[in-house]
């Protein structure tokens, strides 16, 4: 988690398995594209740095963060990946819409993790303001996209061990 206390973007690379055979799907929200684009770039770079082949990284976009649950489910069915990463950004506004979107996507991804045979990695920023999002999308607190990619690799390896 990219916080002032911990930044997995700079994790020990030796603790992440080299993964040339993995297939990873990424579904990225278009809303707040300046932030989600950086999350996507971080995730893709981290996957490739740990051996995932470009041909085995499947990327699709959905309009917003709320749609990530549906996107992740469909990508899991269509691509048959070893893990799915969802990337989004919800920034607090003046209405309760923020709460509904955050709760909905959190519950949706949790449900997918309980029902699908592949891990679905939560790479969604939920911030109070735009600067907090910038700080966590390649800024001073690293890149949540990097962290989601590391988590996807580790969870895919975990799933293999638990078969």
C-alpha atoms as a PDB file:
ATOM      1  CA  UNK A   1       0.000   0.000   0.000  1.00  0.00           C
ATOM      2  CA  UNK A   2       1.397   3.389  -0.917  1.00  0.00           C
ATOM      3  CA  UNK A   3       1.305   5.356   2.309  1.00  0.00           C
ATOM      4  CA  UNK A   4       3.676   7.529   4.244  1.00  0.00           C
ATOM      5  CA  UNK A   5       4.554   4.425   6.270  1.00  0.00           C
ATOM      6  CA  UNK A   6       5.077   1.825   3.580  1.00  0.00           C
ATOM      7  CA  UNK A   7       5.885   1.975  -0.121  1.00  0.00           C
ATOM      8  CA  UNK A   8       5.868  -1.371  -1.906  1.00  0.00           C
ATOM      9  CA  UNK A   9       7.006   0.267  -5.148  1.00  0.00           C
ATOM     10  CA  UNK A  10      10.528  -0.076  -3.812  1.00  0.00           C
ATOM     11  CA  UNK A  11      10.112  -3.655  -2.544  1.00  0.00           C
ATOM     12  CA  UNK A  12      12.945  -6.153  -2.703  1.00  0.00           C
ATOM     13  CA  UNK A  13      12.888  -7.427  -6.292  1.00  0.00           C
ATOM     14  CA  UNK A  14      14.374 -10.738  -5.180  1.00  0.00           C
ATOM     15  CA  UNK A  15      11.186 -11.482  -3.230  1.00  0.00           C
ATOM     16  CA  UNK A  16       9.126 -11.382  -6.445  1.00  0.00           C
ATOM     17  CA  UNK A  17       9.238 -14.540  -8.565  1.00  0.00           C
ATOM     18  CA  UNK A  18      10.539 -14.288 -12.145  1.00  0.00           C
ATOM     19  CA  UNK A  19       7.363 -15.036 -14.095  1.00  0.00           C
ATOM     20  CA  UNK A  20       7.806 -15.585 -17.847  1.00  0.00           C
ATOM     21  CA  UNK A  21       4.823 -17.947 -18.079  1.00  0.00           C
ATOM     22  CA  UNK A  22       2.261 -15.792 -16.290  1.00  0.00           C
ATOM     23  CA  UNK A  23      -0.762 -14.348 -18.068  1.00  0.00           C
ATOM     24  CA  UNK A  24      -1.992 -11.142 -16.446  1.00  0.00           C
ATOM     25  CA  UNK A  25      -5.128  -9.182 -17.323  1.00  0.00           C
ATOM     26  CA  UNK A  26      -5.405  -5.507 -16.415  1.00  0.00           C
ATOM     27  CA  UNK A  27      -8.661  -3.572 -16.519  1.00  0.00           C
ATOM     28  CA  UNK A  28      -8.180   0.179 -16.165  1.00  0.00           C
ATOM     29  CA  UNK A  29     -10.774   2.893 -15.564  1.00  0.00           C
ATOM     30  CA  UNK A  30     -10.820   5.796 -18.010  1.00  0.00           C
ATOM     31  CA  UNK A  31     -12.126   8.227 -15.380  1.00  0.00           C
ATOM     32  CA  UNK A  32      -9.218  10.263 -13.947  1.00  0.00           C
ATOM     33  CA  UNK A  33      -7.147   9.002 -16.883  1.00  0.00           C
ATOM     34  CA  UNK A  34      -4.161  11.178 -15.993  1.00  0.00           C
ATOM     35  CA  UNK A  35      -3.854   9.128 -12.791  1.00  0.00           C
ATOM     36  CA  UNK A  36      -5.004   5.715 -14.026  1.00  0.00           C
ATOM     37  CA  UNK A  37      -2.697   5.958 -17.040  1.00  0.00           C
ATOM     38  CA  UNK A  38       0.268   6.280 -14.686  1.00  0.00           C
ATOM     39  CA  UNK A  39      -0.990   3.343 -12.616  1.00  0.00           C
ATOM     40  CA  UNK A  40      -1.247   1.280 -15.799  1.00  0.00           C
ATOM     41  CA  UNK A  41       2.236   2.285 -16.902  1.00  0.00           C
ATOM     42  CA  UNK A  42       3.643   1.323 -13.499  1.00  0.00           C
ATOM     43  CA  UNK A  43       1.862  -2.043 -13.494  1.00  0.00           C
ATOM     44  CA  UNK A  44       2.956  -2.936 -17.001  1.00  0.00           C
ATOM     45  CA  UNK A  45       6.589  -1.929 -16.390  1.00  0.00           C
ATOM     46  CA  UNK A  46       6.723  -3.933 -13.169  1.00  0.00           C
ATOM     47  CA  UNK A  47       5.217  -7.035 -14.792  1.00  0.00           C
ATOM     48  CA  UNK A  48       7.749  -6.859 -17.627  1.00  0.00           C
ATOM     49  CA  UNK A  49      10.620  -6.250 -15.184  1.00  0.00           C
ATOM     50  CA  UNK A  50       9.681  -9.520 -13.471  1.00  0.00           C
ATOM     51  CA  UNK A  51       9.605 -11.511 -16.690  1.00  0.00           C
ATOM     52  CA  UNK A  52       5.962 -11.379 -17.799  1.00  0.00           C
ATOM     53  CA  UNK A  53       5.971 -11.305 -21.594  1.00  0.00           C
ATOM     54  CA  UNK A  54       4.264  -8.407 -23.347  1.00  0.00           C
ATOM     55  CA  UNK A  55       2.084 -10.885 -25.285  1.00  0.00           C
ATOM     56  CA  UNK A  56       0.806 -12.230 -21.935  1.00  0.00           C
ATOM     57  CA  UNK A  57      -0.369  -8.861 -20.612  1.00  0.00           C
ATOM     58  CA  UNK A  58      -3.960  -8.164 -21.629  1.00  0.00           C
ATOM     59  CA  UNK A  59      -5.227  -4.607 -21.155  1.00  0.00           C
ATOM     60  CA  UNK A  60      -8.775  -3.329 -21.467  1.00  0.00           C
ATOM     61  CA  UNK A  61     -10.443  -0.096 -20.372  1.00  0.00           C
ATOM     62  CA  UNK A  62     -13.831   0.595 -18.804  1.00  0.00           C
ATOM     63  CA  UNK A  63     -15.446   4.018 -18.345  1.00  0.00           C
ATOM     64  CA  UNK A  64     -15.095   4.329 -14.573  1.00  0.00           C
ATOM     65  CA  UNK A  65     -14.043   2.681 -11.350  1.00  0.00           C
ATOM     66  CA  UNK A  66     -17.517   1.295 -10.630  1.00  0.00           C
ATOM     67  CA  UNK A  67     -17.321  -0.717 -13.883  1.00  0.00           C
ATOM     68  CA  UNK A  68     -14.070  -2.444 -12.863  1.00  0.00           C
ATOM     69  CA  UNK A  69     -15.911  -5.364 -11.233  1.00  0.00           C
ATOM     70  CA  UNK A  70     -17.737  -6.266 -14.449  1.00  0.00           C
ATOM     71  CA  UNK A  71     -14.569  -5.699 -16.474  1.00  0.00           C
ATOM     72  CA  UNK A  72     -12.510  -7.939 -14.203  1.00  0.00           C
ATOM     73  CA  UNK A  73     -15.072 -10.727 -14.322  1.00  0.00           C
ATOM     74  CA  UNK A  74     -15.269 -10.642 -18.124  1.00  0.00           C
ATOM     75  CA  UNK A  75     -11.492 -10.488 -18.524  1.00  0.00           C
ATOM     76  CA  UNK A  76     -11.076 -13.484 -16.220  1.00  0.00           C
ATOM     77  CA  UNK A  77     -13.532 -15.457 -18.357  1.00  0.00           C
ATOM     78  CA  UNK A  78     -12.210 -14.291 -21.734  1.00  0.00           C
ATOM     79  CA  UNK A  79      -8.422 -14.308 -21.272  1.00  0.00           C
ATOM     80  CA  UNK A  80      -8.107 -17.052 -18.625  1.00  0.00           C
ATOM     81  CA  UNK A  81      -5.262 -15.159 -16.911  1.00  0.00           C
ATOM     82  CA  UNK A  82      -3.343 -16.161 -13.798  1.00  0.00           C
ATOM     83  CA  UNK A  83      -4.426 -12.906 -12.139  1.00  0.00           C
ATOM     84  CA  UNK A  84      -6.502  -9.823 -12.917  1.00  0.00           C
ATOM     85  CA  UNK A  85      -5.465  -6.332 -11.833  1.00  0.00           C
ATOM     86  CA  UNK A  86      -8.056  -3.565 -11.535  1.00  0.00           C
ATOM     87  CA  UNK A  87      -6.813   0.021 -11.683  1.00  0.00           C
ATOM     88  CA  UNK A  88      -8.917   3.042 -10.852  1.00  0.00           C
ATOM     89  CA  UNK A  89      -8.989   6.336  -9.007  1.00  0.00           C
ATOM     90  CA  UNK A  90     -11.833   7.867  -7.025  1.00  0.00           C
ATOM     91  CA  UNK A  91     -11.272  11.342  -5.604  1.00  0.00           C
ATOM     92  CA  UNK A  92     -13.507  12.696  -2.824  1.00  0.00           C
ATOM     93  CA  UNK A  93     -15.966  15.309  -4.004  1.00  0.00           C
ATOM     94  CA  UNK A  94     -18.779  17.315  -2.458  1.00  0.00           C
ATOM     95  CA  UNK A  95     -21.410  14.562  -2.667  1.00  0.00           C
ATOM     96  CA  UNK A  96     -21.753  11.027  -1.261  1.00  0.00           C
ATOM     97  CA  UNK A  97     -21.069   9.610  -4.753  1.00  0.00           C
ATOM     98  CA  UNK A  98     -17.464   8.913  -3.650  1.00  0.00           C
ATOM     99  CA  UNK A  99     -18.721   6.597  -0.884  1.00  0.00           C
ATOM    100  CA  UNK A 100     -21.048   4.667  -3.178  1.00  0.00           C
ATOM    101  CA  UNK A 101     -18.401   4.094  -5.829  1.00  0.00           C
ATOM    102  CA  UNK A 102     -15.722   3.092  -3.297  1.00  0.00           C
ATOM    103  CA  UNK A 103     -18.025   0.721  -1.432  1.00  0.00           C
ATOM    104  CA  UNK A 104     -19.397  -0.773  -4.645  1.00  0.00           C
ATOM    105  CA  UNK A 105     -16.043  -1.538  -6.242  1.00  0.00           C
ATOM    106  CA  UNK A 106     -14.574  -2.817  -2.973  1.00  0.00           C
ATOM    107  CA  UNK A 107     -17.484  -5.189  -2.421  1.00  0.00           C
ATOM    108  CA  UNK A 108     -17.470  -6.227  -6.088  1.00  0.00           C
ATOM    109  CA  UNK A 109     -13.777  -7.099  -6.153  1.00  0.00           C
ATOM    110  CA  UNK A 110     -14.085  -8.904  -2.813  1.00  0.00           C
ATOM    111  CA  UNK A 111     -16.950 -10.973  -4.265  1.00  0.00           C
ATOM    112  CA  UNK A 112     -14.889 -11.825  -7.350  1.00  0.00           C
ATOM    113  CA  UNK A 113     -12.006 -12.981  -5.161  1.00  0.00           C
ATOM    114  CA  UNK A 114     -14.392 -15.301  -3.338  1.00  0.00           C
ATOM    115  CA  UNK A 115     -15.939 -16.735  -6.507  1.00  0.00           C
ATOM    116  CA  UNK A 116     -13.347 -16.735  -9.301  1.00  0.00           C
ATOM    117  CA  UNK A 117     -10.464 -19.182  -9.580  1.00  0.00           C
ATOM    118  CA  UNK A 118      -7.960 -16.361 -10.132  1.00  0.00           C
ATOM    119  CA  UNK A 119      -6.933 -13.556  -7.808  1.00  0.00           C
ATOM    120  CA  UNK A 120      -8.299 -10.104  -8.564  1.00  0.00           C
ATOM    121  CA  UNK A 121      -5.927  -7.417  -7.342  1.00  0.00           C
ATOM    122  CA  UNK A 122      -7.331  -4.146  -6.006  1.00  0.00           C
ATOM    123  CA  UNK A 123      -5.304  -1.284  -7.476  1.00  0.00           C
ATOM    124  CA  UNK A 124      -7.829   1.458  -6.816  1.00  0.00           C
ATOM    125  CA  UNK A 125      -6.839   4.764  -5.293  1.00  0.00           C
ATOM    126  CA  UNK A 126      -9.451   6.300  -2.992  1.00  0.00           C
ATOM    127  CA  UNK A 127      -8.122   9.725  -2.071  1.00  0.00           C
ATOM    128  CA  UNK A 128      -9.320  12.903  -0.441  1.00  0.00           C
ATOM    129  CA  UNK A 129      -7.878  15.116  -3.170  1.00  0.00           C
ATOM    130  CA  UNK A 130      -6.030  15.103  -6.484  1.00  0.00           C
ATOM    131  CA  UNK A 131      -2.602  15.640  -4.895  1.00  0.00           C
ATOM    132  CA  UNK A 132      -2.947  12.451  -2.851  1.00  0.00           C
ATOM    133  CA  UNK A 133      -3.710  10.571  -6.079  1.00  0.00           C
ATOM    134  CA  UNK A 134      -0.684  12.099  -7.824  1.00  0.00           C
ATOM    135  CA  UNK A 135       1.512  11.161  -4.864  1.00  0.00           C
ATOM    136  CA  UNK A 136       0.411   7.508  -5.226  1.00  0.00           C
ATOM    137  CA  UNK A 137       0.589   7.300  -9.037  1.00  0.00           C
ATOM    138  CA  UNK A 138       4.322   7.689  -9.440  1.00  0.00           C
ATOM    139  CA  UNK A 139       4.780  10.512  -6.935  1.00  0.00           C
ATOM    140  CA  UNK A 140       6.406  10.634  -3.544  1.00  0.00           C
ATOM    141  CA  UNK A 141       4.595   7.527  -2.262  1.00  0.00           C
ATOM    142  CA  UNK A 142       5.474   5.352  -5.244  1.00  0.00           C
ATOM    143  CA  UNK A 143       3.043   3.884  -7.717  1.00  0.00           C
ATOM    144  CA  UNK A 144       0.065   1.771  -6.665  1.00  0.00           C
ATOM    145  CA  UNK A 145       0.243   0.211 -10.158  1.00  0.00           C
ATOM    146  CA  UNK A 146       3.700  -1.191  -9.321  1.00  0.00           C
ATOM    147  CA  UNK A 147       2.335  -2.566  -6.082  1.00  0.00           C
ATOM    148  CA  UNK A 148      -0.674  -4.146  -7.789  1.00  0.00           C
ATOM    149  CA  UNK A 149       1.622  -5.883 -10.286  1.00  0.00           C
ATOM    150  CA  UNK A 150       3.866  -7.256  -7.528  1.00  0.00           C
ATOM    151  CA  UNK A 151       0.772  -8.458  -5.679  1.00  0.00           C
ATOM    152  CA  UNK A 152      -0.580 -10.111  -8.848  1.00  0.00           C
ATOM    153  CA  UNK A 153       2.657 -12.036  -9.389  1.00  0.00           C
ATOM    154  CA  UNK A 154       2.810 -13.149  -5.761  1.00  0.00           C
ATOM    155  CA  UNK A 155      -0.865 -14.137  -5.646  1.00  0.00           C
ATOM    156  CA  UNK A 156      -0.618 -16.053  -8.920  1.00  0.00           C
ATOM    157  CA  UNK A 157       2.323 -17.993  -7.428  1.00  0.00           C
ATOM    158  CA  UNK A 158       0.296 -18.564  -4.261  1.00  0.00           C
ATOM    159  CA  UNK A 159      -2.649 -19.895  -6.285  1.00  0.00           C
ATOM    160  CA  UNK A 160      -0.351 -22.377  -8.059  1.00  0.00           C
ATOM    161  CA  UNK A 161       1.008 -23.608  -4.716  1.00  0.00           C
ATOM    162  CA  UNK A 162      -2.520 -24.109  -3.379  1.00  0.00           C
ATOM    163  CA  UNK A 163      -3.791 -26.268  -6.269  1.00  0.00           C
END
